[in-house]
Structures are given as C-alpha cells and as structure tokens.
Amino acid sequence: MNPAVSVLLPVFNGATYIRESVESILAQTFQDFELIIIDDGSHDDSAHIIERINDPRIRLYRQANQGLPATLNSAIGLANGEFLARQDQDDVSFPRRFEKQVSFLRSHAGCGLVGTWAEIIAGTEKTGRVHRHAEANHALQFDLLFDNPFVHSSVMLRKSAVHAVGMYTADPARQPPEDYELWSRLSRKCEVANIPEILHVYREIPTSMSRNGVGPFRHRVIDISVENIRWWMEGVVGASVIEDLAALNHSVYSRVSPHVRWTALSRLVIGAADRIAAACQEPRSILRARAQAQLCKIKPHYYRCTKRHGLLPMIEEFSAKFERLVSGWD
C-alpha cells in the first residue's frame, strides 16, 4: 500500500546537518510516509551518514550532480505518495508539521500547496526572526504578484497538482528561484495556503543550494513577478507599467522606465487587488488594505528612482554646461 506522503530531500555536501534534518522527519507524529533522499553528487560524507540511519522508510539514491530542480523532479518521479513534502538538508521540521499539513490538505480539496511559518537560525544560533507569511489564499495570491510568500522547505504539495503544471522548471534561465516559479504556476490552477504556526526551522548558511546564482537571482524574481502581474492584468494596463512595478518592488532601478508615473502604479496595484478579491470571492476592502501597504513599501523606491531619472540627470547636464562655459571663459 502506498504511503500518504513522499518526502523529497535532495542532498549536496550536506554532511554537517543531514542527520539532524533526517531525524526530524523520522520523529513526525504522522508516520505514513516514505523519505526519498537523492545524493546529488556529494563529495563529502553525506551518503554514508544517511546509510547509517536504520529506517525502512528511507529510500536513498545517488546520482551525478544535476542541480536542485532536476533532483527534485527525479524525486517526484520516484514518489508514491498522494502528497509531496519538501525538506532541505540543513533544515528541521517540528514533530506535528506533517500531521497538520495532511489534515489541512484533506479538508481543503481545492488547495494544492500548504506551507508553514518557520523559525530562522543562522548556523546553530537563534536569530529571533521568524518567517510569518500570509495564511489565506486571497492574500497569498496577491503577495505572489511581487515575491515568494512560502518557505520552500516547509511546503507540502498535492502531487496531482504538481504534475498538472509540469513540476519544477527545467529552464536554467528560470532557476533559481525554482520554488517561486513553481508556486506561481500552481497558484493559477488551485488555492494555496500557509499554516500560521511555527512548524519548521529554516537555517541560513552561505552554502545552501538555494543560494546559488545570487547575481541574476533578483532579475529572475522580477521576471516571474512581471508574469504574475500580467496574468491578472493582461490587456488592462501597458507592459511598461507592469515592468516598472515589479522592478521598483525589488529596487532594480535600471529596469524602470524614465517615464514611470505613480498614478499608473497605484492604479495597477489597486486593480490587481480588486481582481484577486473578486476571483477569491472576498470583500475588496480586505485586499485594498494589503495593496496600500504594498504601495507604501514601493513609494520610497519610486522617489529614489524618479530622482535618478529626473533631478540627477538635470544636475549632471547643468554641471556639464557650466564646465563648458568656464572652459570658454578661460
């Protein structure tokens, strides 16, 4: 008989924390799962540490290095469960995480993805910080317009929903953030949610697999944000306004047009909130408050950017003219 949950745990040089991560899964109160671990070409002791953990639910595979998205897709292909739970090699799940996520998915048939809140630690040190993302579908649909409101390692997915949208992207130009990219496609087909409880520990370390490709990462996030806004607002506003909004939100001023206007940006954010509220059958007022908060976040970037596009070039032009005049007087 197939297990209810397949846990997807990719490993690449994870010897430092892999035992703690695996043991947190084996200690779950919900025990009907298989743990699929794929060693993605590690050259440390990761595989040997895993082999020494004696539990029949562990299925360990080894492969030449393929990267995180390809490894996750391989694990999905091996999965027998109705639900897919993510776990990173350096993170920890609290004992009731699976119990609560399985219960939520079974009682919300239209939901394809449920994450949790997560405590943040740096190495082994507590930071006092917590990832507290929105919990309800309508708020998350709005937040996905701009960024990723899920802790990747905390999520549980309905396998049928993942297969329906094509799993993790195989396009190198869209990864990372392969998680934000997949959640965006999933959210167009089904509801999404977060359980508003700290059921996971997210570990910040510089060598995490998710931190590869830091240089182009922000531009890829902006590209996905543009796609998400366009999906809700296609034909309602111009492409340049959508690009300006996504770029300003991530303070990448080089991608903002010189003719950006606050009125157009405000209408876009409010309009998107209204459309999402209508689709989710929620009162407009709920998401309009969230839209205003988003605009407050973006406004300082708008002012900096318009100064860059407007006042600064004028000053530079004036200085150049003044220097030419001075040169002429000499």
Protein backbone atom coordinates (compact mmCIF):
# COMPACT_ATOMS: atom_id res chain seq x y z
CA MET A 1 0.00 0.00 0.00
CA ASN A 2 1.37 3.43 -0.96
CA PRO A 3 2.25 5.92 1.77
CA ALA A 4 0.22 9.12 2.09
CA VAL A 5 3.30 11.36 1.92
CA SER A 6 6.52 11.25 -0.06
CA VAL A 7 9.24 13.42 1.46
CA LEU A 8 11.64 14.93 -1.09
CA LEU A 9 15.09 15.55 0.39
CA PRO A 10 17.90 16.44 -2.05
CA VAL A 11 21.43 16.41 -0.62
CA PHE A 12 24.58 18.05 -1.88
CA ASN A 13 27.54 18.11 0.52
CA GLY A 14 25.17 18.23 3.47
CA ALA A 15 27.16 16.19 6.00
CA THR A 16 27.09 18.89 8.69
CA TYR A 17 23.33 18.92 9.24
CA ILE A 18 21.86 15.99 7.30
CA ARG A 19 21.43 13.68 10.29
CA GLU A 20 19.52 16.32 12.25
CA SER A 21 17.33 17.02 9.22
CA VAL A 22 16.52 13.33 8.60
CA GLU A 23 15.87 12.61 12.27
CA SER A 24 13.36 15.49 12.41
CA ILE A 25 11.40 13.75 9.64
CA LEU A 26 11.55 10.34 11.30
CA ALA A 27 10.22 11.93 14.52
CA GLN A 28 6.99 13.18 12.90
CA THR A 29 3.73 12.33 14.68
CA PHE A 30 2.28 11.49 11.24
CA GLN A 31 4.20 8.35 10.30
CA ASP A 32 2.65 7.27 6.98
CA PHE A 33 5.43 8.50 4.69
CA GLU A 34 8.41 7.49 2.61
CA LEU A 35 11.60 9.54 2.72
CA ILE A 36 13.21 9.86 -0.72
CA ILE A 37 16.78 11.13 -0.39
CA ILE A 38 18.81 11.81 -3.52
CA ASP A 39 22.52 12.46 -3.10
CA ASP A 40 23.21 14.87 -5.95
CA GLY A 41 26.90 14.13 -6.50
CA SER A 42 28.15 14.96 -3.00
CA HIS A 43 31.88 14.64 -2.38
CA ASP A 44 31.60 14.63 1.39
CA ASP A 45 30.28 12.02 3.84
CA SER A 46 26.57 12.76 3.29
CA ALA A 47 25.59 9.38 1.81
CA HIS A 48 27.48 7.38 4.43
CA ILE A 49 25.77 9.30 7.25
CA ILE A 50 22.38 8.54 5.73
CA GLU A 51 23.23 4.86 5.21
CA ARG A 52 23.94 4.53 8.93
CA ILE A 53 20.38 5.65 9.82
CA ASN A 54 18.33 2.48 10.09
CA ASP A 55 14.75 3.10 8.98
CA PRO A 56 12.90 1.16 6.26
CA ARG A 57 11.08 4.31 5.05
CA ILE A 58 14.34 5.83 3.81
CA ARG A 59 15.00 5.36 0.08
CA LEU A 60 18.49 6.62 -0.76
CA TYR A 61 19.61 7.22 -4.35
CA ARG A 62 22.87 8.56 -5.73
CA GLN A 63 23.44 10.44 -8.96
CA ALA A 64 25.98 12.64 -10.70
CA ASN A 65 25.37 16.30 -9.88
CA GLN A 66 22.31 17.70 -11.70
CA GLY A 67 21.30 20.66 -9.53
CA LEU A 68 18.32 21.23 -7.25
CA PRO A 69 15.36 21.47 -9.71
CA ALA A 70 16.36 18.37 -11.70
CA THR A 71 16.96 16.44 -8.49
CA LEU A 72 13.56 17.42 -7.13
CA ASN A 73 11.89 16.33 -10.37
CA SER A 74 13.67 12.98 -10.13
CA ALA A 75 12.40 12.58 -6.58
CA ILE A 76 8.85 13.42 -7.68
CA GLY A 77 9.15 10.73 -10.36
CA LEU A 78 10.03 8.21 -7.63
CA ALA A 79 7.27 9.33 -5.26
CA ASN A 80 4.37 7.02 -4.40
CA GLY A 81 2.51 9.34 -2.04
CA GLU A 82 -0.58 11.46 -2.61
CA PHE A 83 1.25 14.41 -1.07
CA LEU A 84 4.81 15.67 -1.54
CA ALA A 85 6.62 17.19 1.43
CA ARG A 86 9.77 19.21 0.93
CA GLN A 87 12.70 19.10 3.31
CA ASP A 88 16.12 20.71 2.90
CA GLN A 89 19.33 19.04 4.06
CA ASP A 90 20.06 21.72 6.66
CA ASP A 91 16.53 22.48 7.92
CA VAL A 92 14.46 20.90 10.68
CA SER A 93 10.76 20.07 10.86
CA PHE A 94 8.90 20.11 14.16
CA PRO A 95 7.07 16.86 15.03
CA ARG A 96 3.50 17.91 14.16
CA ARG A 97 4.30 19.51 10.78
CA PHE A 98 3.12 16.61 8.58
CA GLU A 99 0.12 15.87 10.78
CA LYS A 100 -1.19 19.40 10.41
CA GLN A 101 -0.41 19.73 6.70
CA VAL A 102 -2.01 16.41 5.74
CA SER A 103 -5.09 17.32 7.76
CA PHE A 104 -5.29 20.70 6.03
CA LEU A 105 -4.97 19.28 2.51
CA ARG A 106 -7.53 16.56 3.20
CA SER A 107 -10.02 19.13 4.45
CA HIS A 108 -9.34 21.65 1.64
CA ALA A 109 -9.73 19.76 -1.62
CA GLY A 110 -9.08 22.84 -3.75
CA CYS A 111 -5.69 23.55 -2.15
CA GLY A 112 -2.57 22.35 -3.95
CA LEU A 113 0.12 23.84 -1.71
CA VAL A 114 0.38 24.48 2.02
CA GLY A 115 3.43 25.84 3.80
CA THR A 116 4.09 26.83 7.40
CA TRP A 117 5.74 29.59 9.35
CA ALA A 118 9.40 28.97 10.12
CA GLU A 119 11.90 29.97 12.78
CA ILE A 120 15.15 31.35 11.30
CA ILE A 121 18.53 30.30 12.66
CA ALA A 122 22.00 31.22 11.41
CA GLY A 123 24.18 28.13 11.55
CA THR A 124 23.35 26.92 15.06
CA GLU A 125 22.46 30.33 16.53
CA LYS A 126 18.92 31.56 17.10
CA THR A 127 18.22 34.88 15.38
CA GLY A 128 14.88 35.73 16.99
CA ARG A 129 13.44 36.11 13.49
CA VAL A 130 10.52 34.17 12.02
CA HIS A 131 9.13 33.80 8.50
CA ARG A 132 5.48 34.73 9.11
CA HIS A 133 3.90 34.79 5.68
CA ALA A 134 0.21 35.31 4.94
CA GLU A 135 -2.02 32.29 5.53
CA ALA A 136 -5.15 32.77 3.37
CA ASN A 137 -5.39 32.06 -0.36
CA HIS A 138 -6.52 35.57 -1.36
CA ALA A 139 -3.64 37.27 0.50
CA LEU A 140 -1.10 34.80 -0.89
CA GLN A 141 -2.40 35.24 -4.44
CA PHE A 142 -1.77 38.97 -4.02
CA ASP A 143 1.66 38.50 -2.42
CA LEU A 144 2.73 36.17 -5.23
CA LEU A 145 2.43 39.13 -7.61
CA PHE A 146 5.60 40.50 -6.05
CA ASP A 147 7.61 37.77 -4.31
CA ASN A 148 7.68 34.29 -2.80
CA PRO A 149 5.49 34.02 0.34
CA PHE A 150 6.44 30.42 1.14
CA VAL A 151 9.38 28.76 2.88
CA HIS A 152 10.35 26.17 0.28
CA SER A 153 11.49 23.54 2.77
CA SER A 154 8.24 23.84 4.74
CA VAL A 155 5.75 23.13 1.96
CA MET A 156 3.53 20.13 1.30
CA LEU A 157 2.08 19.76 -2.19
CA ARG A 158 -0.69 17.76 -3.75
CA LYS A 159 1.18 15.54 -6.23
CA SER A 160 -1.61 15.66 -8.80
CA ALA A 161 -1.44 19.48 -8.83
CA VAL A 162 2.33 19.44 -9.36
CA HIS A 163 2.01 17.01 -12.27
CA ALA A 164 -0.76 19.15 -13.77
CA VAL A 165 1.50 22.20 -14.07
CA GLY A 166 4.67 20.40 -15.16
CA MET A 167 6.76 20.08 -11.98
CA TYR A 168 9.86 22.24 -11.34
CA THR A 169 11.15 24.19 -14.31
CA ALA A 170 13.96 22.64 -16.34
CA ASP A 171 14.89 26.02 -17.84
CA PRO A 172 18.21 27.27 -16.38
CA ALA A 173 17.15 30.85 -17.15
CA ARG A 174 14.28 30.49 -14.64
CA GLN A 175 16.19 28.94 -11.72
CA PRO A 176 16.71 29.87 -9.04
CA PRO A 177 14.06 30.80 -7.87
CA GLU A 178 12.63 27.47 -9.00
CA ASP A 179 10.29 27.47 -5.98
CA TYR A 180 8.71 30.89 -6.69
CA GLU A 181 8.42 29.88 -10.35
CA LEU A 182 6.52 26.68 -9.50
CA TRP A 183 4.29 28.29 -6.84
CA SER A 184 3.32 30.94 -9.39
CA ARG A 185 2.12 28.35 -11.89
CA LEU A 186 0.38 26.32 -9.19
CA SER A 187 -1.48 29.35 -7.84
CA ARG A 188 -3.17 29.88 -11.23
CA LYS A 189 -4.71 26.39 -11.03
CA CYS A 190 -5.50 25.91 -7.35
CA GLU A 191 -5.68 27.53 -3.95
CA VAL A 192 -2.57 27.96 -1.79
CA ALA A 193 -2.15 28.41 1.96
CA ASN A 194 0.20 28.65 4.92
CA ILE A 195 -0.49 27.19 8.34
CA PRO A 196 0.08 30.12 10.74
CA GLU A 197 2.22 28.14 13.16
CA ILE A 198 5.98 27.73 13.51
CA LEU A 199 6.37 24.12 12.40
CA HIS A 200 9.77 24.38 10.72
CA VAL A 201 13.29 25.71 11.24
CA TYR A 202 14.95 27.46 8.31
CA ARG A 203 18.73 27.57 8.55
CA GLU A 204 20.61 30.44 6.91
CA ILE A 205 24.00 29.29 5.69
CA PRO A 206 26.03 30.72 2.76
CA THR A 207 26.46 27.34 1.02
CA SER A 208 22.75 26.44 0.85
CA MET A 209 21.71 25.01 -2.54
CA SER A 210 19.05 27.72 -2.77
CA ARG A 211 21.70 30.45 -2.63
CA ASN A 212 23.44 29.50 -5.88
CA GLY A 213 23.22 32.05 -8.69
CA VAL A 214 22.97 35.14 -6.47
CA GLY A 215 23.94 37.54 -9.31
CA PRO A 216 20.96 37.07 -11.66
CA PHE A 217 18.59 35.91 -8.91
CA ARG A 218 16.85 39.24 -8.40
CA HIS A 219 16.29 39.74 -12.13
CA ARG A 220 14.68 36.30 -12.38
CA VAL A 221 12.39 37.12 -9.46
CA ILE A 222 11.37 40.31 -11.27
CA ASP A 223 10.70 38.35 -14.47
CA ILE A 224 8.37 35.98 -12.61
CA SER A 225 6.70 38.89 -10.81
CA VAL A 226 6.03 40.51 -14.20
CA GLU A 227 4.46 37.28 -15.46
CA ASN A 228 2.24 37.02 -12.38
CA ILE A 229 1.03 40.61 -12.59
CA ARG A 230 0.45 40.25 -16.32
CA TRP A 231 -1.58 37.07 -15.77
CA TRP A 232 -4.06 39.00 -13.64
CA MET A 233 -3.92 42.31 -15.55
CA GLU A 234 -3.26 41.39 -19.19
CA GLY A 235 -4.87 43.92 -21.50
CA VAL A 236 -5.83 46.25 -18.64
CA VAL A 237 -2.52 48.12 -18.33
CA GLY A 238 0.53 48.54 -20.51
CA ALA A 239 3.52 46.20 -20.28
CA SER A 240 5.88 49.00 -19.25
CA VAL A 241 3.83 49.83 -16.12
CA ILE A 242 3.92 46.17 -15.06
CA GLU A 243 7.68 46.03 -15.58
CA ASP A 244 8.14 49.28 -13.64
CA LEU A 245 6.10 47.97 -10.71
CA ALA A 246 8.00 44.68 -10.44
CA ALA A 247 11.39 46.36 -10.80
CA LEU A 248 10.62 49.07 -8.24
CA ASN A 249 9.40 46.50 -5.75
CA HIS A 250 12.85 44.88 -5.90
CA SER A 251 14.72 48.22 -6.15
CA VAL A 252 16.30 47.41 -9.52
CA TYR A 253 16.13 50.92 -10.92
CA SER A 254 17.96 50.05 -14.13
CA ARG A 255 14.80 48.22 -15.26
CA VAL A 256 12.46 51.13 -14.55
CA SER A 257 11.41 53.33 -17.47
CA PRO A 258 12.30 57.05 -17.30
CA HIS A 259 8.61 57.97 -17.64
CA VAL A 260 7.32 55.95 -14.66
CA ARG A 261 4.25 57.55 -13.03
CA TRP A 262 2.98 56.97 -9.52
CA THR A 263 -0.66 57.28 -10.55
CA ALA A 264 -0.31 54.44 -13.04
CA LEU A 265 1.50 52.25 -10.50
CA SER A 266 -1.16 52.89 -7.85
CA ARG A 267 -3.99 52.04 -10.24
CA LEU A 268 -2.22 48.84 -11.21
CA VAL A 269 -1.74 47.63 -7.62
CA ILE A 270 -5.31 48.52 -6.58
CA GLY A 271 -6.71 47.00 -9.78
CA ALA A 272 -4.84 43.75 -9.23
CA ALA A 273 -6.08 43.60 -5.63
CA ASP A 274 -9.67 44.10 -6.78
CA ARG A 275 -9.41 41.38 -9.44
CA ILE A 276 -7.94 38.87 -6.98
CA ALA A 277 -10.59 39.72 -4.36
CA ALA A 278 -13.34 39.13 -6.92
CA ALA A 279 -11.84 35.83 -8.08
CA CYS A 280 -11.48 34.63 -4.48
CA GLN A 281 -14.93 35.94 -3.54
CA GLU A 282 -13.52 38.19 -0.82
CA PRO A 283 -14.52 41.80 0.01
CA ARG A 284 -12.43 44.35 -1.87
CA SER A 285 -11.59 46.15 1.36
CA ILE A 286 -9.50 43.23 2.62
CA LEU A 287 -7.06 43.25 -0.28
CA ARG A 288 -7.18 47.01 -0.79
CA ALA A 289 -5.61 47.38 2.65
CA ARG A 290 -2.88 44.95 1.57
CA ALA A 291 -2.46 46.90 -1.68
CA GLN A 292 -1.99 50.16 0.22
CA ALA A 293 0.67 48.53 2.39
CA GLN A 294 2.45 47.32 -0.76
CA LEU A 295 2.33 50.82 -2.23
CA CYS A 296 3.83 52.25 0.97
CA LYS A 297 6.68 49.79 0.59
CA ILE A 298 7.28 50.73 -3.03
CA LYS A 299 6.92 54.52 -2.73
CA PRO A 300 10.44 55.26 -1.35
CA HIS A 301 11.90 53.35 -4.29
CA TYR A 302 9.73 55.38 -6.67
CA TYR A 303 11.08 58.64 -5.25
CA ARG A 304 14.69 57.46 -5.42
CA CYS A 305 14.18 56.24 -8.96
CA THR A 306 12.48 59.43 -10.20
CA LYS A 307 15.28 61.48 -8.71
CA ARG A 308 17.72 59.27 -10.55
CA HIS A 309 15.78 59.65 -13.80
CA GLY A 310 14.78 63.27 -13.32
CA LEU A 311 16.72 65.56 -10.98
CA LEU A 312 20.08 63.85 -11.19
CA PRO A 313 20.34 63.95 -14.99
CA MET A 314 19.32 67.64 -14.89
CA ILE A 315 22.07 68.37 -12.38
CA GLU A 316 24.59 66.45 -14.45
CA GLU A 317 23.54 68.32 -17.60
CA PHE A 318 23.77 71.68 -15.82
CA SER A 319 27.23 70.81 -14.47
CA ALA A 320 28.43 69.86 -17.93
CA LYS A 321 27.14 73.13 -19.40
CA PHE A 322 28.74 75.10 -16.59
CA GLU A 323 32.08 73.40 -17.17
CA ARG A 324 31.88 74.23 -20.89
CA LEU A 325 31.13 77.87 -20.06
CA VAL A 326 34.02 78.07 -17.61
CA SER A 327 36.27 76.50 -20.21
CA GLY A 328 35.17 79.15 -22.72
CA TRP A 329 35.89 81.99 -20.33
CA ASP A 330 39.38 80.68 -19.80
